Amino acid sequence: SLADSSESSFDRGYLYKILSVGGIVRDIKRNKSGNYVLSLKGNPGDPSSVNCALDSLYNHHTLSLKPGDSCAIRGTCAGHLSDIILVDCIIEK
């Protein structure tokens, strides 16, 4: 199917690669492990986003980022469902 071919194409290009992404913070949550997960807005009109699980080094700090802030994140691509997922992320700026 078309969805399968686009997913395998995505995986070949990005899966397990280190990516830098920039965007506007949609929301900030903590996952079950206590890590912060930032959701970055995608293109205007596009409901998808990039979910960035921050490295555990951020767990014991209050993040200076808040929803609406612009930032750049670097992390390892762990795949995508409706959103792209990055793990072990660091905040670049």
Protein backbone atom coordinates (compact mmCIF):
# COMPACT_ATOMS: atom_id res chain seq x y z
CA SER A 1 0.00 0.00 0.00
CA LEU A 2 0.99 3.64 -0.35
CA ALA A 3 1.20 4.12 3.44
CA ASP A 4 3.56 1.14 3.73
CA SER A 5 5.83 2.41 0.97
CA SER A 6 6.01 5.93 2.41
CA GLU A 7 6.76 4.50 5.87
CA SER A 8 9.59 2.30 4.61
CA SER A 9 10.96 5.24 2.61
CA PHE A 10 10.84 7.39 5.77
CA ASP A 11 12.53 4.65 7.80
CA ARG A 12 15.33 4.25 5.25
CA GLY A 13 15.99 7.98 5.28
CA TYR A 14 15.64 8.85 8.96
CA LEU A 15 15.25 5.90 11.37
CA TYR A 16 18.05 5.78 14.00
CA LYS A 17 19.72 8.87 12.50
CA ILE A 18 20.51 11.94 14.59
CA LEU A 19 18.37 14.86 13.46
CA SER A 20 18.17 18.52 14.36
CA VAL A 21 14.71 20.02 14.23
CA GLY A 22 13.42 23.49 14.97
CA GLY A 23 9.94 24.58 15.81
CA ILE A 24 7.49 26.11 18.22
CA VAL A 25 6.78 24.24 21.46
CA ARG A 26 3.15 23.03 21.43
CA ASP A 27 3.26 21.42 24.86
CA ILE A 28 5.57 19.90 27.46
CA LYS A 29 4.77 16.72 29.42
CA ARG A 30 6.64 14.08 31.39
CA ASN A 31 6.57 10.44 30.33
CA LYS A 32 6.40 7.40 32.66
CA SER A 33 10.19 7.48 33.04
CA GLY A 34 10.08 11.08 34.25
CA ASN A 35 11.67 12.46 31.08
CA TYR A 36 10.32 15.67 29.56
CA VAL A 37 8.63 15.23 26.19
CA LEU A 38 8.31 18.34 24.04
CA SER A 39 5.78 18.42 21.24
CA LEU A 40 6.85 20.79 18.44
CA LYS A 41 4.29 22.19 16.02
CA GLY A 42 4.63 21.13 12.41
CA ASN A 43 3.82 23.23 9.38
CA PRO A 44 0.82 25.58 9.62
CA GLY A 45 -2.36 23.65 8.89
CA ASP A 46 -0.63 20.30 9.47
CA PRO A 47 -1.91 18.52 12.60
CA SER A 48 1.23 16.37 12.92
CA SER A 49 4.07 17.29 15.21
CA VAL A 50 7.50 16.14 16.33
CA ASN A 51 7.59 14.53 19.78
CA CYS A 52 11.00 14.96 21.41
CA ALA A 53 11.82 12.92 24.52
CA LEU A 54 14.58 14.86 26.24
CA ASP A 55 17.65 13.14 27.62
CA SER A 56 17.41 12.24 31.32
CA LEU A 57 20.00 14.94 32.14
CA TYR A 58 17.06 17.41 32.07
CA ASN A 59 14.95 15.43 34.57
CA HIS A 60 16.12 17.26 37.69
CA HIS A 61 15.90 20.76 36.25
CA THR A 62 13.06 23.12 35.52
CA LEU A 63 12.95 23.70 31.78
CA SER A 64 13.32 27.29 30.66
CA LEU A 65 11.11 26.48 27.63
CA LYS A 66 7.36 26.96 27.66
CA PRO A 67 4.59 26.50 25.06
CA GLY A 68 4.91 29.10 22.31
CA ASP A 69 8.72 29.30 22.56
CA SER A 70 10.88 28.66 19.52
CA CYS A 71 13.67 26.12 19.94
CA ALA A 72 16.03 23.72 18.21
CA ILE A 73 16.28 20.10 19.36
CA ARG A 74 18.74 17.36 18.39
CA GLY A 75 17.84 13.72 18.91
CA THR A 76 17.74 10.22 17.46
CA CYS A 77 14.80 9.41 15.21
CA ALA A 78 12.86 6.48 16.70
CA GLY A 79 10.25 6.35 13.93
CA HIS A 80 6.85 7.86 13.32
CA LEU A 81 3.19 7.11 13.72
CA SER A 82 1.11 10.19 13.08
CA ASP A 83 3.97 12.19 14.61
CA ILE A 84 7.72 11.89 14.23
CA ILE A 85 9.41 10.64 17.41
CA LEU A 86 12.89 11.70 18.54
CA VAL A 87 14.56 10.26 21.65
CA ASP A 88 17.60 11.13 23.80
CA CYS A 89 17.18 14.77 22.75
CA ILE A 90 19.18 17.79 23.78
CA ILE A 91 18.12 21.42 23.48
CA GLU A 92 20.43 23.22 21.08
CA LYS A 93 19.04 26.73 21.55
